[in-house]
Protein backbone atom coordinates (compact mmCIF):
# COMPACT_ATOMS: atom_id res chain seq x y z
CA MET A 1 -15.92 -30.77 21.19
CA ARG A 2 -19.41 -31.01 19.82
CA SER A 3 -21.61 -33.20 19.94
CA SER A 4 -23.07 -35.50 17.33
CA LYS A 5 -26.19 -33.18 17.71
CA GLY A 6 -24.15 -30.21 17.22
CA ILE A 7 -24.92 -28.62 20.34
CA TRP A 8 -22.43 -26.92 22.82
CA ASN A 9 -21.88 -28.22 25.93
CA LYS A 10 -21.56 -25.79 28.75
CA GLU A 11 -18.11 -27.04 29.55
CA ASN A 12 -17.19 -26.54 26.16
CA MET A 13 -18.89 -23.10 26.03
CA ILE A 14 -17.23 -22.21 29.37
CA GLU A 15 -13.93 -22.63 28.06
CA GLY A 16 -14.28 -21.00 24.47
CA SER A 17 -16.90 -18.27 26.26
CA ARG A 18 -15.41 -16.00 23.43
CA ARG A 19 -16.17 -17.81 20.00
CA GLN A 20 -17.60 -16.14 17.60
CA LEU A 21 -20.57 -19.27 17.50
CA LEU A 22 -21.56 -17.41 20.86
CA LYS A 23 -20.99 -14.30 20.24
CA TRP A 24 -22.60 -13.35 16.98
CA ALA A 25 -26.07 -15.28 18.05
CA SER A 26 -26.38 -13.13 20.87
CA LEU A 27 -25.55 -10.17 19.16
CA GLY A 28 -28.77 -11.48 16.45
CA LEU A 29 -26.64 -11.33 13.54
CA PHE A 30 -28.68 -14.36 12.46
CA GLY A 31 -31.47 -13.05 11.15
CA LEU A 32 -32.21 -10.36 13.66
CA SER A 33 -31.02 -7.09 13.96
CA ILE A 34 -27.12 -5.72 15.38
CA PRO A 35 -27.67 -4.17 17.94
CA LYS A 36 -27.59 0.20 17.21
CA SER A 37 -25.30 0.36 19.32
CA ILE A 38 -22.72 -1.98 17.04
CA ASP A 39 -24.06 -1.19 13.48
CA ALA A 40 -26.30 2.12 13.24
CA ASN A 41 -27.38 4.42 16.37
CA VAL A 42 -30.70 5.85 17.07
CA GLN A 43 -29.96 8.48 14.23
CA GLY A 44 -29.73 5.86 11.46
CA THR A 45 -26.73 6.67 10.63
CA TYR A 46 -23.78 3.83 10.68
CA PRO A 47 -20.60 4.78 13.08
CA SER A 48 -17.05 4.01 11.20
CA TYR A 49 -15.18 2.20 14.37
CA ALA A 50 -11.32 2.79 14.08
CA MET A 51 -8.42 2.40 16.46
CA ILE A 52 -4.81 4.58 16.64
CA VAL A 53 -2.02 3.29 18.03
CA ASP A 54 0.55 6.17 18.69
CA LEU A 55 3.58 5.10 17.83
CA GLU A 56 5.70 7.78 19.94
CA ARG A 57 3.33 6.63 23.68
CA CYS A 58 3.58 2.40 22.76
CA MET A 59 6.70 0.65 25.11
CA GLY A 60 5.63 -2.37 24.16
CA CYS A 61 4.76 -3.50 27.62
CA GLU A 62 2.06 -5.87 25.58
CA ALA A 63 -0.38 -5.36 28.22
CA CYS A 64 -2.57 -4.79 25.37
CA VAL A 65 -1.85 -8.99 24.25
CA VAL A 66 -2.13 -10.29 27.41
CA SER A 67 -5.58 -8.22 28.09
CA CYS A 68 -6.77 -9.31 24.93
CA LYS A 69 -6.27 -12.95 25.43
CA ILE A 70 -8.02 -12.92 28.62
CA ASP A 71 -10.96 -11.27 27.00
CA GLN A 72 -11.11 -12.96 24.52
CA ASN A 73 -9.85 -16.61 25.65
CA THR A 74 -7.59 -17.68 22.70
CA PRO A 75 -5.90 -20.96 21.93
CA GLN A 76 -2.28 -21.90 23.61
CA GLY A 77 0.06 -19.80 21.59
CA ALA A 78 -2.09 -17.55 19.89
CA PHE A 79 -2.75 -14.37 20.17
CA ASN A 80 -4.71 -11.60 17.73
CA ILE A 81 -1.93 -8.74 18.58
CA LYS A 82 1.57 -9.31 18.15
CA ILE A 83 3.79 -6.30 19.49
CA LYS A 84 6.86 -5.81 16.62
CA SER A 85 9.71 -3.76 16.82
CA ILE A 86 12.90 -2.06 15.74
CA THR A 87 15.80 0.17 16.94
CA ILE A 88 16.18 3.21 15.54
CA GLY A 89 19.12 6.05 15.69
CA ASN A 90 22.72 6.09 15.72
CA PHE A 91 24.76 4.85 18.61
CA PRO A 92 24.89 6.14 21.74
CA GLN A 93 21.87 7.99 20.54
CA VAL A 94 19.47 4.33 20.09
CA ARG A 95 15.77 3.47 21.05
CA PRO A 96 13.30 0.33 20.04
CA ILE A 97 9.81 1.53 18.69
CA PHE A 98 7.31 -1.01 19.44
CA VAL A 99 4.78 -1.96 16.54
CA PRO A 100 1.43 -3.62 17.86
CA VAL A 101 -0.03 -5.42 14.83
CA GLN A 102 -3.73 -6.79 14.99
CA CYS A 103 -6.49 -7.52 12.03
CA ASN A 104 -6.89 -3.92 10.13
CA HIS A 105 -10.40 -4.73 9.43
CA CYS A 106 -9.51 -4.22 5.83
CA ASP A 107 -12.15 -2.03 3.74
CA ASN A 108 -11.49 -4.60 0.86
CA PRO A 109 -10.52 -7.82 3.14
CA PRO A 110 -8.70 -10.59 1.24
CA CYS A 111 -9.70 -12.67 3.86
CA LEU A 112 -13.11 -12.48 2.82
CA SER A 113 -12.48 -13.14 -1.10
CA ALA A 114 -11.16 -15.71 0.01
CA CYS A 115 -13.41 -17.98 2.10
CA SER A 116 -15.35 -19.84 -0.80
CA LYS A 117 -18.07 -20.78 2.40
CA GLY A 118 -18.82 -16.79 2.88
CA ALA A 119 -18.35 -17.19 6.69
CA ILE A 120 -16.82 -13.84 7.15
CA LYS A 121 -18.71 -10.36 6.79
CA LYS A 122 -17.87 -6.90 6.54
CA LEU A 123 -20.17 -5.21 9.19
CA LYS A 124 -21.34 -1.90 8.05
CA SER A 125 -19.16 0.02 10.89
CA GLY A 126 -16.39 -1.39 9.36
CA ILE A 127 -16.05 -4.60 11.73
CA VAL A 128 -15.23 -7.73 9.97
CA ILE A 129 -16.50 -10.99 11.66
CA THR A 130 -16.46 -14.85 11.18
CA ASP A 131 -19.46 -16.66 11.18
CA TRP A 132 -18.49 -19.97 12.67
CA ARG A 133 -22.08 -22.03 11.42
CA LEU A 134 -20.52 -21.48 8.02
CA CYS A 135 -16.87 -21.76 8.79
CA ASP A 136 -15.62 -24.88 7.03
CA GLY A 137 -12.24 -25.34 8.95
CA LYS A 138 -10.31 -24.96 5.92
CA GLY A 139 -7.92 -22.14 6.25
CA GLN A 140 -8.54 -19.88 2.93
CA CYS A 141 -8.61 -16.78 5.20
CA ILE A 142 -5.12 -17.37 7.09
CA LYS A 143 -3.46 -18.26 4.02
CA ALA A 144 -5.31 -14.97 2.19
CA CYS A 145 -4.29 -12.51 5.32
CA PRO A 146 -1.20 -10.36 4.17
CA ILE A 147 -0.07 -9.82 7.84
CA GLY A 148 -0.55 -13.08 9.50
CA ALA A 149 -3.33 -11.59 11.51
CA ARG A 150 -5.79 -14.56 11.47
CA HIS A 151 -5.59 -18.17 13.23
CA LEU A 152 -7.94 -21.50 13.97
CA ASP A 153 -8.78 -22.72 16.88
CA GLU A 154 -8.55 -26.79 16.82
CA ARG A 155 -11.08 -26.50 20.15
CA PHE A 156 -13.69 -25.67 18.00
CA GLY A 157 -12.98 -27.50 14.31
CA ASN A 158 -10.59 -25.58 13.28
CA ARG A 159 -12.68 -22.38 12.90
CA SER A 160 -11.01 -19.34 12.38
CA PHE A 161 -10.41 -16.08 14.19
CA LYS A 162 -8.93 -13.29 14.50
CA CYS A 163 -9.20 -9.77 16.35
CA ASP A 164 -13.29 -8.01 16.15
CA LEU A 165 -12.49 -4.69 17.83
CA CYS A 166 -13.79 -6.49 20.83
CA ILE A 167 -17.82 -5.74 19.31
CA GLU A 168 -19.45 -7.29 22.39
CA ARG A 169 -18.08 -4.92 24.52
CA LEU A 170 -18.76 -2.41 22.05
CA GLU A 171 -22.33 -3.47 22.62
CA LYS A 172 -21.91 -2.95 26.03
CA GLY A 173 -20.63 0.64 25.56
CA LEU A 174 -17.41 -0.55 26.20
CA LYS A 175 -13.90 0.21 24.69
CA PRO A 176 -11.81 -2.82 23.62
CA ALA A 177 -10.16 -4.60 25.77
CA CYS A 178 -6.51 -3.48 24.41
CA VAL A 179 -7.68 0.04 24.22
CA GLU A 180 -8.89 0.12 28.67
CA THR A 181 -5.98 -2.07 29.64
CA CYS A 182 -3.27 0.11 27.84
CA PRO A 183 -1.02 2.19 30.84
CA SER A 184 0.37 4.81 28.77
CA GLY A 185 -2.82 5.89 26.03
CA ALA A 186 -1.19 4.77 22.89
CA ARG A 187 -4.63 3.21 21.86
CA ILE A 188 -7.40 5.55 21.14
CA PHE A 189 -10.88 4.38 20.19
CA GLY A 190 -13.89 6.25 18.46
CA ASP A 191 -16.41 6.50 15.63
CA LEU A 192 -15.26 8.31 12.15
CA ASN A 193 -18.65 9.50 11.30
CA ASN A 194 -18.71 11.58 14.76
CA PRO A 195 -15.00 11.64 16.50
CA LYS A 196 -14.72 13.20 19.76
CA GLY A 197 -12.44 14.41 22.29
CA GLU A 198 -8.74 12.90 22.12
CA PHE A 199 -10.14 10.78 18.69
CA ARG A 200 -10.94 13.96 17.25
CA GLU A 201 -7.48 15.49 17.89
CA TYR A 202 -5.56 12.62 16.29
CA ILE A 203 -7.10 12.50 13.44
CA SER A 204 -7.19 15.96 13.02
CA LYS A 205 -4.29 16.97 13.62
CA LYS A 206 -1.92 13.79 13.45
CA HIS A 207 0.33 12.22 10.80
CA LEU A 208 -1.17 8.74 10.46
CA PHE A 209 -0.73 5.80 8.58
CA GLN A 210 -1.66 1.70 8.05
CA TYR A 211 0.48 -1.08 8.61
CA GLY A 212 0.62 -3.49 5.90
CA ALA A 213 -0.61 0.20 3.77
CA ARG A 214 1.48 -1.50 0.90
CA PHE A 215 -0.95 -4.16 0.17
CA GLY A 216 -3.51 -1.73 -0.29
CA ARG A 217 -6.41 -2.62 1.58
CA GLY A 218 -6.98 0.73 3.49
CA GLY A 219 -8.64 -0.49 7.04
CA ARG A 220 -9.83 0.74 10.35
CA ILE A 221 -6.43 0.19 12.57
CA PHE A 222 -4.16 3.28 12.10
CA TYR A 223 -0.50 4.59 13.82
CA ALA A 224 0.27 7.84 14.67
CA GLY A 225 3.58 9.15 14.16
CA ASN A 226 5.98 11.17 12.09
CA GLU A 227 7.59 10.44 8.43
CA ASN A 228 10.11 9.04 9.46
CA LEU A 229 8.70 6.03 11.44
CA GLU A 230 5.70 5.28 8.29
CA SER A 231 8.62 4.83 6.28
CA MET A 232 9.93 2.10 8.65
CA ILE A 233 7.51 0.18 8.73
CA PRO A 234 8.15 -2.48 6.39
CA ALA A 235 11.15 -3.30 7.69
CA VAL A 236 9.16 -4.34 11.13
CA GLU A 237 6.80 -5.90 8.81
CA ASN A 238 9.36 -8.36 8.23
CA ARG A 239 10.10 -9.09 11.80
CA ASP A 240 8.08 -12.43 13.21
CA GLU A 241 8.39 -11.32 16.61
CA LYS A 242 7.44 -14.46 18.90
CA ARG A 243 6.26 -14.77 22.39
CA ASP A 244 6.51 -17.67 25.11
CA PHE A 245 3.89 -16.88 27.50
CA SER A 246 -0.05 -17.98 26.73
């Protein structure tokens, strides 16, 4: 709990080390400059972060779900990543397709416009963040999100949280935890303004599409797969996959 003076005690800082109030303060969001590795490179131009998920590689192991939960210390029962699935083909030639779902970091975030306190911000790098100093915990942003990517943290006054592409790891020159953990290499992360390596190959040669594209919000999470897989995404969207671990 927070004290009457609004000071976070050591115990709660440990319990909720990933909470945005602490992260944004350390990154200088409040009154200082965002580190150049996050929102501007040495030439003064801005990176445009994006993640690609190759649906042909994803095997539904949920390593990304677990690594995200450990790294971000989300509350019990709450996950920044969900794995949805659908079966394709005809018996006996059938197989599952797994679709990891998380915040799209929309180009025009509905959560941002829904927040009456101005707590949600979109950085020039494309990352959508939540300023916990301003969040009132009423959850307007959660209702506004069309893919259910946001949650409330009861440990910290019901403040809203979601995937932030591990912004604190990016500041250290690391990739998001889910990208580093994926055993099949299904997650590819990079800068759209300066694509390199496999990320460059994907954006130049692969068929890419987005989850929730019918909502017309764009974003920074893309999926790689053929047109048949893209046509199946609406069916996946309607599935509510539940996980029994926390």
